[in-house]
Amino acid sequence: MVSGETHAARPDPADIAGADGLRALARAKVQNGMPILVERLKGMLGDIQAALQPHFEGKNVAKGALVAKLEHPARRARSELENLALFVEPNSRSSETWRVHPAIFPNGSRWEKVSLILYQLGGREGWPDANDLGAWLVADVVPAIEFAVGAKPSKGISPE
C-alpha cells in the first residue's frame, strides 16, 4: 500500500472456473499433500530404523510393537500416494465400469515397489514371521521408503 501498488487478493482455487481452476486445485493438492505424505513416511522410516537395532545385534525385531506403529500410517500413506500420483480407471474386472479405482504404477517401477510395500505394511497378515522380519525390513522396506522420501540409502543397511 505504501508503494502505491495494489495487489488483488488471490481467489480461492475452489472458486476459479475451467482448466485454470482445475490446475489451481491440483497445484494446491500437491503443495499441501506432498509434505504431509513425506513427513508420514519419514516418521515410519524412523520407527523402522529404531526397531531394527535388535536385528543388528542378532535378535528378532519386536513385531507386535512395530505393527502397532506402522499398520495404520502405512494404509494412509498408500492412499495419499495413490491420490497424489495416480489417476483413476474403470474396473476392468467387472461389467460395472462405472466403478473406478486408482490406476497402478508401471509394472516393475520403483513407485510400484513403494506402493506394494505400503500395502504389505498396512496389513499385519502380510508381514513375515519374526525370524524373517528384520531381513525383510532391511532388504525391502527401508530401501522403498528411502526412495519415496528421496533419502540417500542408509549406511550400514544392506540387503542380506
C-alpha atoms as a PDB file:
ATOM      1  CA  MET A   1       0.000   0.000   0.000  1.00  0.00           C
ATOM      2  CA  VAL A   2       2.861   2.381   0.784  1.00  0.00           C
ATOM      3  CA  SER A   3       4.369   1.904  -2.677  1.00  0.00           C
ATOM      4  CA  GLY A   4       1.067   2.622  -4.310  1.00  0.00           C
ATOM      5  CA  GLU A   5       0.807  -0.864  -5.808  1.00  0.00           C
ATOM      6  CA  THR A   6      -2.344  -2.750  -5.172  1.00  0.00           C
ATOM      7  CA  HIS A   7      -2.358  -6.497  -5.039  1.00  0.00           C
ATOM      8  CA  ALA A   8      -5.641  -8.162  -5.661  1.00  0.00           C
ATOM      9  CA  ALA A   9      -6.472 -10.916  -3.249  1.00  0.00           C
ATOM     10  CA  ARG A  10      -5.880 -14.326  -4.770  1.00  0.00           C
ATOM     11  CA  PRO A  11      -9.108 -16.168  -5.356  1.00  0.00           C
ATOM     12  CA  ASP A  12      -9.635 -19.470  -3.635  1.00  0.00           C
ATOM     13  CA  PRO A  13      -8.767 -22.269  -6.119  1.00  0.00           C
ATOM     14  CA  ALA A  14     -12.228 -23.709  -5.474  1.00  0.00           C
ATOM     15  CA  ASP A  15     -13.722 -20.544  -6.994  1.00  0.00           C
ATOM     16  CA  ILE A  16     -11.699 -20.497 -10.235  1.00  0.00           C
ATOM     17  CA  ALA A  17     -13.536 -21.810 -13.295  1.00  0.00           C
ATOM     18  CA  GLY A  18     -12.409 -24.175 -16.019  1.00  0.00           C
ATOM     19  CA  ALA A  19      -8.969 -25.588 -16.686  1.00  0.00           C
ATOM     20  CA  ASP A  20      -7.318 -22.778 -14.707  1.00  0.00           C
ATOM     21  CA  GLY A  21      -9.377 -23.746 -11.668  1.00  0.00           C
ATOM     22  CA  LEU A  22      -8.526 -27.415 -12.053  1.00  0.00           C
ATOM     23  CA  ARG A  23      -4.823 -26.551 -12.336  1.00  0.00           C
ATOM     24  CA  ALA A  24      -5.055 -24.367  -9.237  1.00  0.00           C
ATOM     25  CA  LEU A  25      -6.819 -27.141  -7.293  1.00  0.00           C
ATOM     26  CA  ALA A  26      -4.256 -29.731  -8.423  1.00  0.00           C
ATOM     27  CA  ARG A  27      -1.366 -27.421  -7.521  1.00  0.00           C
ATOM     28  CA  ALA A  28      -2.848 -26.805  -4.062  1.00  0.00           C
ATOM     29  CA  LYS A  29      -3.364 -30.537  -3.568  1.00  0.00           C
ATOM     30  CA  VAL A  30       0.268 -31.308  -4.363  1.00  0.00           C
ATOM     31  CA  GLN A  31       1.634 -28.360  -2.366  1.00  0.00           C
ATOM     32  CA  ASN A  32      -0.373 -29.355   0.693  1.00  0.00           C
ATOM     33  CA  GLY A  33      -0.449 -33.142   0.357  1.00  0.00           C
ATOM     34  CA  MET A  34       3.104 -33.973  -0.620  1.00  0.00           C
ATOM     35  CA  PRO A  35       4.756 -32.605   2.547  1.00  0.00           C
ATOM     36  CA  ILE A  36       2.216 -34.471   4.688  1.00  0.00           C
ATOM     37  CA  LEU A  37       2.949 -37.751   2.891  1.00  0.00           C
ATOM     38  CA  VAL A  38       6.722 -37.273   3.052  1.00  0.00           C
ATOM     39  CA  GLU A  39       6.594 -36.492   6.779  1.00  0.00           C
ATOM     40  CA  ARG A  40       4.428 -39.560   7.391  1.00  0.00           C
ATOM     41  CA  LEU A  41       6.904 -41.755   5.504  1.00  0.00           C
ATOM     42  CA  LYS A  42       9.863 -40.220   7.351  1.00  0.00           C
ATOM     43  CA  GLY A  43       8.155 -40.974  10.654  1.00  0.00           C
ATOM     44  CA  MET A  44       7.576 -44.554   9.586  1.00  0.00           C
ATOM     45  CA  LEU A  45      11.208 -44.842   8.483  1.00  0.00           C
ATOM     46  CA  GLY A  46      12.377 -43.577  11.873  1.00  0.00           C
ATOM     47  CA  ASP A  47      10.201 -46.127  13.643  1.00  0.00           C
ATOM     48  CA  ILE A  48      11.580 -48.909  11.439  1.00  0.00           C
ATOM     49  CA  GLN A  49      15.194 -47.891  11.908  1.00  0.00           C
ATOM     50  CA  ALA A  50      14.741 -47.742  15.693  1.00  0.00           C
ATOM     51  CA  ALA A  51      13.071 -51.168  15.674  1.00  0.00           C
ATOM     52  CA  LEU A  52      15.945 -52.647  13.654  1.00  0.00           C
ATOM     53  CA  GLN A  53      18.538 -52.243  16.428  1.00  0.00           C
ATOM     54  CA  PRO A  54      17.911 -55.746  17.838  1.00  0.00           C
ATOM     55  CA  HIS A  55      18.215 -57.179  14.308  1.00  0.00           C
ATOM     56  CA  PHE A  56      21.762 -55.838  14.041  1.00  0.00           C
ATOM     57  CA  GLU A  57      22.536 -57.475  17.387  1.00  0.00           C
ATOM     58  CA  GLY A  58      21.371 -60.860  16.096  1.00  0.00           C
ATOM     59  CA  LYS A  59      17.967 -60.723  17.778  1.00  0.00           C
ATOM     60  CA  ASN A  60      14.415 -60.611  16.441  1.00  0.00           C
ATOM     61  CA  VAL A  61      12.630 -57.331  15.818  1.00  0.00           C
ATOM     62  CA  ALA A  62       9.628 -56.755  18.111  1.00  0.00           C
ATOM     63  CA  LYS A  63       6.949 -57.418  15.516  1.00  0.00           C
ATOM     64  CA  GLY A  64       3.841 -56.599  17.553  1.00  0.00           C
ATOM     65  CA  ALA A  65       5.108 -53.192  18.625  1.00  0.00           C
ATOM     66  CA  LEU A  66       6.183 -52.299  15.098  1.00  0.00           C
ATOM     67  CA  VAL A  67       2.889 -53.430  13.561  1.00  0.00           C
ATOM     68  CA  ALA A  68       1.063 -51.209  16.047  1.00  0.00           C
ATOM     69  CA  LYS A  69       3.153 -48.220  14.956  1.00  0.00           C
ATOM     70  CA  LEU A  70       3.079 -48.798  11.186  1.00  0.00           C
ATOM     71  CA  GLU A  71      -0.094 -50.570  10.095  1.00  0.00           C
ATOM     72  CA  HIS A  72      -2.462 -47.586  10.001  1.00  0.00           C
ATOM     73  CA  PRO A  73       0.082 -44.966   8.858  1.00  0.00           C
ATOM     74  CA  ALA A  74       1.071 -47.305   6.004  1.00  0.00           C
ATOM     75  CA  ARG A  75      -2.542 -47.618   4.854  1.00  0.00           C
ATOM     76  CA  ARG A  76      -2.959 -43.868   4.920  1.00  0.00           C
ATOM     77  CA  ALA A  77       0.376 -43.258   3.179  1.00  0.00           C
ATOM     78  CA  ARG A  78      -0.539 -45.646   0.370  1.00  0.00           C
ATOM     79  CA  SER A  79      -3.878 -43.903  -0.152  1.00  0.00           C
ATOM     80  CA  GLU A  80      -2.191 -40.497  -0.091  1.00  0.00           C
ATOM     81  CA  LEU A  81       0.423 -41.660  -2.597  1.00  0.00           C
ATOM     82  CA  GLU A  82      -2.216 -43.023  -4.966  1.00  0.00           C
ATOM     83  CA  ASN A  83      -4.289 -39.885  -4.570  1.00  0.00           C
ATOM     84  CA  LEU A  84      -1.347 -37.615  -5.381  1.00  0.00           C
ATOM     85  CA  ALA A  85       0.248 -39.630  -8.176  1.00  0.00           C
ATOM     86  CA  LEU A  86      -2.334 -41.770  -9.951  1.00  0.00           C
ATOM     87  CA  PHE A  87      -5.438 -41.128 -11.992  1.00  0.00           C
ATOM     88  CA  VAL A  88      -8.498 -43.378 -11.790  1.00  0.00           C
ATOM     89  CA  GLU A  89      -9.587 -46.026 -14.240  1.00  0.00           C
ATOM     90  CA  PRO A  90     -12.719 -48.127 -14.699  1.00  0.00           C
ATOM     91  CA  ASN A  91     -12.968 -51.512 -13.106  1.00  0.00           C
ATOM     92  CA  SER A  92     -11.630 -53.802 -15.833  1.00  0.00           C
ATOM     93  CA  ARG A  93     -12.543 -56.986 -13.933  1.00  0.00           C
ATOM     94  CA  SER A  94     -16.251 -56.354 -13.934  1.00  0.00           C
ATOM     95  CA  SER A  95     -19.074 -55.171 -16.137  1.00  0.00           C
ATOM     96  CA  GLU A  96     -19.592 -52.400 -13.580  1.00  0.00           C
ATOM     97  CA  THR A  97     -17.316 -49.984 -15.415  1.00  0.00           C
ATOM     98  CA  TRP A  98     -18.827 -47.079 -13.509  1.00  0.00           C
ATOM     99  CA  ARG A  99     -16.798 -48.261 -10.505  1.00  0.00           C
ATOM    100  CA  VAL A 100     -13.386 -46.674 -10.624  1.00  0.00           C
ATOM    101  CA  HIS A 101     -10.224 -47.242  -8.659  1.00  0.00           C
ATOM    102  CA  PRO A 102      -6.731 -45.778  -8.747  1.00  0.00           C
ATOM    103  CA  ALA A 103      -4.658 -46.799 -11.726  1.00  0.00           C
ATOM    104  CA  ILE A 104      -1.469 -48.691 -10.930  1.00  0.00           C
ATOM    105  CA  PHE A 105       2.135 -47.641 -11.164  1.00  0.00           C
ATOM    106  CA  PRO A 106       4.088 -49.059 -14.116  1.00  0.00           C
ATOM    107  CA  ASN A 107       4.964 -52.703 -13.587  1.00  0.00           C
ATOM    108  CA  GLY A 108       8.425 -53.116 -12.122  1.00  0.00           C
ATOM    109  CA  SER A 109       8.836 -49.419 -11.315  1.00  0.00           C
ATOM    110  CA  ARG A 110      10.280 -48.185  -8.046  1.00  0.00           C
ATOM    111  CA  TRP A 111       6.972 -46.449  -7.241  1.00  0.00           C
ATOM    112  CA  GLU A 112       5.137 -49.737  -7.740  1.00  0.00           C
ATOM    113  CA  LYS A 113       7.514 -51.252  -5.176  1.00  0.00           C
ATOM    114  CA  VAL A 114       6.755 -48.411  -2.741  1.00  0.00           C
ATOM    115  CA  SER A 115       3.015 -48.923  -3.204  1.00  0.00           C
ATOM    116  CA  LEU A 116       3.308 -52.683  -2.699  1.00  0.00           C
ATOM    117  CA  ILE A 117       5.462 -52.271   0.420  1.00  0.00           C
ATOM    118  CA  LEU A 118       2.969 -49.802   1.903  1.00  0.00           C
ATOM    119  CA  TYR A 119       0.163 -52.266   1.117  1.00  0.00           C
ATOM    120  CA  GLN A 120       2.042 -55.057   2.856  1.00  0.00           C
ATOM    121  CA  LEU A 121       2.911 -52.865   5.857  1.00  0.00           C
ATOM    122  CA  GLY A 122      -0.760 -51.914   6.103  1.00  0.00           C
ATOM    123  CA  GLY A 123      -1.862 -55.475   6.830  1.00  0.00           C
ATOM    124  CA  ARG A 124      -0.189 -57.418   9.606  1.00  0.00           C
ATOM    125  CA  GLU A 125      -1.169 -60.701   7.963  1.00  0.00           C
ATOM    126  CA  GLY A 126       1.228 -59.904   5.100  1.00  0.00           C
ATOM    127  CA  TRP A 127       4.248 -59.379   7.323  1.00  0.00           C
ATOM    128  CA  PRO A 128       6.917 -62.092   7.533  1.00  0.00           C
ATOM    129  CA  ASP A 129       7.262 -64.038  10.765  1.00  0.00           C
ATOM    130  CA  ALA A 130       9.506 -62.660  13.500  1.00  0.00           C
ATOM    131  CA  ASN A 131      12.521 -64.693  12.349  1.00  0.00           C
ATOM    132  CA  ASP A 132      12.462 -63.095   8.882  1.00  0.00           C
ATOM    133  CA  LEU A 133      11.132 -59.649   9.799  1.00  0.00           C
ATOM    134  CA  GLY A 134      14.479 -57.863  10.240  1.00  0.00           C
ATOM    135  CA  ALA A 135      15.842 -59.098   6.936  1.00  0.00           C
ATOM    136  CA  TRP A 136      12.652 -58.020   5.120  1.00  0.00           C
ATOM    137  CA  LEU A 137      12.744 -54.588   6.673  1.00  0.00           C
ATOM    138  CA  VAL A 138      16.400 -54.126   5.709  1.00  0.00           C
ATOM    139  CA  ALA A 139      16.207 -55.582   2.200  1.00  0.00           C
ATOM    140  CA  ASP A 140      12.788 -54.369   1.026  1.00  0.00           C
ATOM    141  CA  VAL A 141      11.034 -51.901   3.293  1.00  0.00           C
ATOM    142  CA  VAL A 142      13.773 -49.415   4.184  1.00  0.00           C
ATOM    143  CA  PRO A 143      15.040 -49.024   0.587  1.00  0.00           C
ATOM    144  CA  ALA A 144      11.491 -48.491  -0.732  1.00  0.00           C
ATOM    145  CA  ILE A 145      10.634 -45.833   1.835  1.00  0.00           C
ATOM    146  CA  GLU A 146      14.016 -44.141   1.423  1.00  0.00           C
ATOM    147  CA  PHE A 147      13.329 -43.969  -2.311  1.00  0.00           C
ATOM    148  CA  ALA A 148       9.902 -42.460  -1.647  1.00  0.00           C
ATOM    149  CA  VAL A 149      11.266 -39.695   0.570  1.00  0.00           C
ATOM    150  CA  GLY A 150      14.303 -39.110  -1.635  1.00  0.00           C
ATOM    151  CA  ALA A 151      16.750 -40.118   1.098  1.00  0.00           C
ATOM    152  CA  LYS A 152      20.175 -41.488   0.446  1.00  0.00           C
ATOM    153  CA  PRO A 153      20.317 -45.202   1.271  1.00  0.00           C
ATOM    154  CA  SER A 154      21.136 -45.872   4.916  1.00  0.00           C
ATOM    155  CA  LYS A 155      24.731 -46.598   5.769  1.00  0.00           C
ATOM    156  CA  GLY A 156      25.168 -49.973   7.365  1.00  0.00           C
ATOM    157  CA  ILE A 157      21.917 -51.304   5.962  1.00  0.00           C
ATOM    158  CA  SER A 158      22.427 -53.567   3.035  1.00  0.00           C
ATOM    159  CA  PRO A 159      20.355 -56.429   1.666  1.00  0.00           C
ATOM    160  CA  GLU A 160      21.232 -59.729   3.276  1.00  0.00           C
END
